[in-house]
Amino acid sequence: MSEFFVAVLADAADEGKNIIVSMLVVGLVFLAVIFLGDLNGWFARRRHRRHS
C-alpha cells in the first residue's frame, strides 16, 4: 500500500516541476516580447533622428 502512495507523490512532484518549468518558459517569452518591442522602438527613434 505504501508503494502506491510513493508512486502518487512522485507523480505529483513531477507534475509540479513541469508546471513550474512551463511558467518560467512563459515568463521568458513575455520578457523576450517586451525586449524586442523596446529594441524595435529604439531602432525606430534612431532611424528617425538620422533621417531628420
PDB file of N, CA and C in Angstrom:
ATOM      1  N   MET A   1       0.814  -1.201   0.000  1.00  0.00           N
ATOM      2  CA  MET A   1       0.000   0.000   0.000  1.00  0.00           C
ATOM      3  C   MET A   1       0.859   1.267   0.000  1.00  0.00           C
ATOM      4  N   SER A   2       1.974   1.241   0.730  1.00  0.00           N
ATOM      5  CA  SER A   2       2.821   2.432   0.771  1.00  0.00           C
ATOM      6  C   SER A   2       3.494   2.678  -0.577  1.00  0.00           C
ATOM      7  N   GLU A   3       3.707   1.636  -1.369  1.00  0.00           N
ATOM      8  CA  GLU A   3       4.280   1.811  -2.700  1.00  0.00           C
ATOM      9  C   GLU A   3       3.368   2.652  -3.581  1.00  0.00           C
ATOM     10  N   PHE A   4       2.059   2.479  -3.385  1.00  0.00           N
ATOM     11  CA  PHE A   4       1.088   3.262  -4.154  1.00  0.00           C
ATOM     12  C   PHE A   4       1.210   4.742  -3.815  1.00  0.00           C
ATOM     13  N   PHE A   5       1.301   5.054  -2.522  1.00  0.00           N
ATOM     14  CA  PHE A   5       1.415   6.452  -2.108  1.00  0.00           C
ATOM     15  C   PHE A   5       2.726   7.076  -2.594  1.00  0.00           C
ATOM     16  N   VAL A   6       3.800   6.303  -2.582  1.00  0.00           N
ATOM     17  CA  VAL A   6       5.084   6.805  -3.074  1.00  0.00           C
ATOM     18  C   VAL A   6       4.968   7.127  -4.560  1.00  0.00           C
ATOM     19  N   ALA A   7       4.301   6.256  -5.326  1.00  0.00           N
ATOM     20  CA  ALA A   7       4.131   6.489  -6.760  1.00  0.00           C
ATOM     21  C   ALA A   7       3.267   7.721  -7.019  1.00  0.00           C
ATOM     22  N   VAL A   8       2.209   7.896  -6.240  1.00  0.00           N
ATOM     23  CA  VAL A   8       1.328   9.063  -6.413  1.00  0.00           C
ATOM     24  C   VAL A   8       2.069  10.343  -6.056  1.00  0.00           C
ATOM     25  N   LEU A   9       2.823  10.335  -4.963  1.00  0.00           N
ATOM     26  CA  LEU A   9       3.577  11.525  -4.569  1.00  0.00           C
ATOM     27  C   LEU A   9       4.661  11.859  -5.585  1.00  0.00           C
ATOM     28  N   ALA A  10       5.296  10.842  -6.147  1.00  0.00           N
ATOM     29  CA  ALA A  10       6.309  11.087  -7.169  1.00  0.00           C
ATOM     30  C   ALA A  10       5.674  11.699  -8.407  1.00  0.00           C
ATOM     31  N   ASP A  11       4.477  11.217  -8.794  1.00  0.00           N
ATOM     32  CA  ASP A  11       3.789  11.799  -9.938  1.00  0.00           C
ATOM     33  C   ASP A  11       3.412  13.253  -9.670  1.00  0.00           C
ATOM     34  N   ALA A  12       2.964  13.532  -8.448  1.00  0.00           N
ATOM     35  CA  ALA A  12       2.589  14.909  -8.095  1.00  0.00           C
ATOM     36  C   ALA A  12       3.812  15.814  -8.127  1.00  0.00           C
ATOM     37  N   ALA A  13       4.946  15.320  -7.660  1.00  0.00           N
ATOM     38  CA  ALA A  13       6.159  16.131  -7.673  1.00  0.00           C
ATOM     39  C   ALA A  13       6.608  16.400  -9.102  1.00  0.00           C
ATOM     40  N   ASP A  14       6.526  15.408  -9.965  1.00  0.00           N
ATOM     41  CA  ASP A  14       6.896  15.611 -11.369  1.00  0.00           C
ATOM     42  C   ASP A  14       5.955  16.592 -12.047  1.00  0.00           C
ATOM     43  N   GLU A  15       4.676  16.490 -11.732  1.00  0.00           N
ATOM     44  CA  GLU A  15       3.714  17.412 -12.328  1.00  0.00           C
ATOM     45  C   GLU A  15       3.966  18.844 -11.851  1.00  0.00           C
ATOM     46  N   GLY A  16       4.274  19.008 -10.575  1.00  0.00           N
ATOM     47  CA  GLY A  16       4.583  20.335 -10.050  1.00  0.00           C
ATOM     48  C   GLY A  16       5.829  20.915 -10.701  1.00  0.00           C
ATOM     49  N   LYS A  17       6.835  20.066 -10.902  1.00  0.00           N
ATOM     50  CA  LYS A  17       8.058  20.526 -11.560  1.00  0.00           C
ATOM     51  C   LYS A  17       7.754  20.961 -12.990  1.00  0.00           C
ATOM     52  N   ASN A  18       6.936  20.188 -13.701  1.00  0.00           N
ATOM     53  CA  ASN A  18       6.583  20.549 -15.082  1.00  0.00           C
ATOM     54  C   ASN A  18       5.818  21.866 -15.133  1.00  0.00           C
ATOM     55  N   ILE A  19       4.958  22.100 -14.162  1.00  0.00           N
ATOM     56  CA  ILE A  19       4.196  23.351 -14.128  1.00  0.00           C
ATOM     57  C   ILE A  19       5.130  24.532 -13.899  1.00  0.00           C
ATOM     58  N   ILE A  20       6.064  24.385 -12.970  1.00  0.00           N
ATOM     59  CA  ILE A  20       6.997  25.477 -12.681  1.00  0.00           C
ATOM     60  C   ILE A  20       7.873  25.769 -13.890  1.00  0.00           C
ATOM     61  N   VAL A  21       8.353  24.730 -14.552  1.00  0.00           N
ATOM     62  CA  VAL A  21       9.188  24.934 -15.742  1.00  0.00           C
ATOM     63  C   VAL A  21       8.383  25.627 -16.839  1.00  0.00           C
ATOM     64  N   SER A  22       7.142  25.220 -17.032  1.00  0.00           N
ATOM     65  CA  SER A  22       6.326  25.857 -18.074  1.00  0.00           C
ATOM     66  C   SER A  22       6.039  27.319 -17.723  1.00  0.00           C
ATOM     67  N   MET A  23       5.847  27.636 -16.441  1.00  0.00           N
ATOM     68  CA  MET A  23       5.638  29.026 -16.047  1.00  0.00           C
ATOM     69  C   MET A  23       6.895  29.859 -16.310  1.00  0.00           C
ATOM     70  N   LEU A  24       8.058  29.295 -16.058  1.00  0.00           N
ATOM     71  CA  LEU A  24       9.303  30.005 -16.344  1.00  0.00           C
ATOM     72  C   LEU A  24       9.468  30.258 -17.842  1.00  0.00           C
ATOM     73  N   VAL A  25       9.095  29.286 -18.653  1.00  0.00           N
ATOM     74  CA  VAL A  25       9.195  29.458 -20.105  1.00  0.00           C
ATOM     75  C   VAL A  25       8.249  30.564 -20.569  1.00  0.00           C
ATOM     76  N   VAL A  26       7.031  30.578 -20.047  1.00  0.00           N
ATOM     77  CA  VAL A  26       6.077  31.626 -20.422  1.00  0.00           C
ATOM     78  C   VAL A  26       6.593  32.997 -20.002  1.00  0.00           C
ATOM     79  N   GLY A  27       7.192  33.091 -18.820  1.00  0.00           N
ATOM     80  CA  GLY A  27       7.775  34.348 -18.369  1.00  0.00           C
ATOM     81  C   GLY A  27       8.900  34.810 -19.283  1.00  0.00           C
ATOM     82  N   LEU A  28       9.727  33.866 -19.723  1.00  0.00           N
ATOM     83  CA  LEU A  28      10.810  34.229 -20.648  1.00  0.00           C
ATOM     84  C   LEU A  28      10.262  34.698 -21.988  1.00  0.00           C
ATOM     85  N   VAL A  29       9.178  34.102 -22.443  1.00  0.00           N
ATOM     86  CA  VAL A  29       8.554  34.555 -23.694  1.00  0.00           C
ATOM     87  C   VAL A  29       8.042  35.982 -23.527  1.00  0.00           C
ATOM     88  N   PHE A  30       7.389  36.278 -22.404  1.00  0.00           N
ATOM     89  CA  PHE A  30       6.914  37.641 -22.156  1.00  0.00           C
ATOM     90  C   PHE A  30       8.078  38.626 -22.147  1.00  0.00           C
ATOM     91  N   LEU A  31       9.155  38.277 -21.462  1.00  0.00           N
ATOM     92  CA  LEU A  31      10.318  39.165 -21.420  1.00  0.00           C
ATOM     93  C   LEU A  31      10.924  39.359 -22.801  1.00  0.00           C
ATOM     94  N   ALA A  32      10.956  38.306 -23.611  1.00  0.00           N
ATOM     95  CA  ALA A  32      11.506  38.417 -24.962  1.00  0.00           C
ATOM     96  C   ALA A  32      10.650  39.351 -25.812  1.00  0.00           C
ATOM     97  N   VAL A  33       9.334  39.262 -25.688  1.00  0.00           N
ATOM     98  CA  VAL A  33       8.445  40.134 -26.459  1.00  0.00           C
ATOM     99  C   VAL A  33       8.636  41.592 -26.033  1.00  0.00           C
ATOM    100  N   ILE A  34       8.737  41.827 -24.733  1.00  0.00           N
ATOM    101  CA  ILE A  34       8.954  43.192 -24.244  1.00  0.00           C
ATOM    102  C   ILE A  34      10.297  43.726 -24.739  1.00  0.00           C
ATOM    103  N   PHE A  35      11.333  42.904 -24.655  1.00  0.00           N
ATOM    104  CA  PHE A  35      12.663  43.318 -25.101  1.00  0.00           C
ATOM    105  C   PHE A  35      12.665  43.631 -26.590  1.00  0.00           C
ATOM    106  N   LEU A  36      12.034  42.781 -27.393  1.00  0.00           N
ATOM    107  CA  LEU A  36      12.007  43.023 -28.842  1.00  0.00           C
ATOM    108  C   LEU A  36      11.218  44.281 -29.176  1.00  0.00           C
ATOM    109  N   GLY A  37      10.143  44.548 -28.448  1.00  0.00           N
ATOM    110  CA  GLY A  37       9.385  45.777 -28.662  1.00  0.00           C
ATOM    111  C   GLY A  37      10.200  47.011 -28.326  1.00  0.00           C
ATOM    112  N   ASP A  38      10.923  46.975 -27.210  1.00  0.00           N
ATOM    113  CA  ASP A  38      11.781  48.110 -26.847  1.00  0.00           C
ATOM    114  C   ASP A  38      12.914  48.292 -27.853  1.00  0.00           C
ATOM    115  N   LEU A  39      13.486  47.191 -28.288  1.00  0.00           N
ATOM    116  CA  LEU A  39      14.566  47.265 -29.273  1.00  0.00           C
ATOM    117  C   LEU A  39      14.058  47.859 -30.585  1.00  0.00           C
ATOM    118  N   ASN A  40      12.866  47.461 -30.997  1.00  0.00           N
ATOM    119  CA  ASN A  40      12.261  48.000 -32.208  1.00  0.00           C
ATOM    120  C   ASN A  40      12.015  49.502 -32.065  1.00  0.00           C
ATOM    121  N   GLY A  41      11.534  49.926 -30.915  1.00  0.00           N
ATOM    122  CA  GLY A  41      11.313  51.351 -30.678  1.00  0.00           C
ATOM    123  C   GLY A  41      12.606  52.131 -30.685  1.00  0.00           C
ATOM    124  N   TRP A  42      13.665  51.557 -30.106  1.00  0.00           N
ATOM    125  CA  TRP A  42      14.966  52.223 -30.099  1.00  0.00           C
ATOM    126  C   TRP A  42      15.502  52.399 -31.513  1.00  0.00           C
ATOM    127  N   PHE A  43      15.390  51.336 -32.332  1.00  0.00           N
ATOM    128  CA  PHE A  43      15.843  51.444 -33.726  1.00  0.00           C
ATOM    129  C   PHE A  43      14.996  52.443 -34.509  1.00  0.00           C
ATOM    130  N   ALA A  44      13.702  52.500 -34.232  1.00  0.00           N
ATOM    131  CA  ALA A  44      12.838  53.447 -34.943  1.00  0.00           C
ATOM    132  C   ALA A  44      13.216  54.879 -34.597  1.00  0.00           C
ATOM    133  N   ARG A  45      13.469  55.155 -33.305  1.00  0.00           N
ATOM    134  CA  ARG A  45      13.886  56.510 -32.912  1.00  0.00           C
ATOM    135  C   ARG A  45      15.236  56.857 -33.522  1.00  0.00           C
ATOM    136  N   ARG A  46      16.133  55.914 -33.544  1.00  0.00           N
ATOM    137  CA  ARG A  46      17.461  56.147 -34.124  1.00  0.00           C
ATOM    138  C   ARG A  46      17.360  56.416 -35.629  1.00  0.00           C
ATOM    139  N   ARG A  47      16.520  55.648 -36.301  1.00  0.00           N
ATOM    140  CA  ARG A  47      16.332  55.821 -37.743  1.00  0.00           C
ATOM    141  C   ARG A  47      15.675  57.175 -38.019  1.00  0.00           C
ATOM    142  N   HIS A  48      14.725  57.567 -37.176  1.00  0.00           N
ATOM    143  CA  HIS A  48      14.040  58.846 -37.378  1.00  0.00           C
ATOM    144  C   HIS A  48      14.997  60.015 -37.170  1.00  0.00           C
ATOM    145  N   ARG A  49      15.852  59.953 -36.137  1.00  0.00           N
ATOM    146  CA  ARG A  49      16.823  61.025 -35.886  1.00  0.00           C
ATOM    147  C   ARG A  49      17.853  61.128 -36.993  1.00  0.00           C
ATOM    148  N   ARG A  50      18.225  60.013 -37.575  1.00  0.00           N
ATOM    149  CA  ARG A  50      19.254  60.004 -38.619  1.00  0.00           C
ATOM    150  C   ARG A  50      18.723  60.601 -39.917  1.00  0.00           C
ATOM    151  N   HIS A  51      17.436  60.403 -40.200  1.00  0.00           N
ATOM    152  CA  HIS A  51      16.861  60.890 -41.459  1.00  0.00           C
ATOM    153  C   HIS A  51      16.244  62.270 -41.326  1.00  0.00           C
ATOM    154  N   SER A  52      16.275  62.841 -40.160  1.00  0.00           N
ATOM    155  CA  SER A  52      15.694  64.183 -39.972  1.00  0.00           C
ATOM    156  C   SER A  52      16.627  65.276 -40.412  1.00  0.00           C
TER     157      SER A  52
END
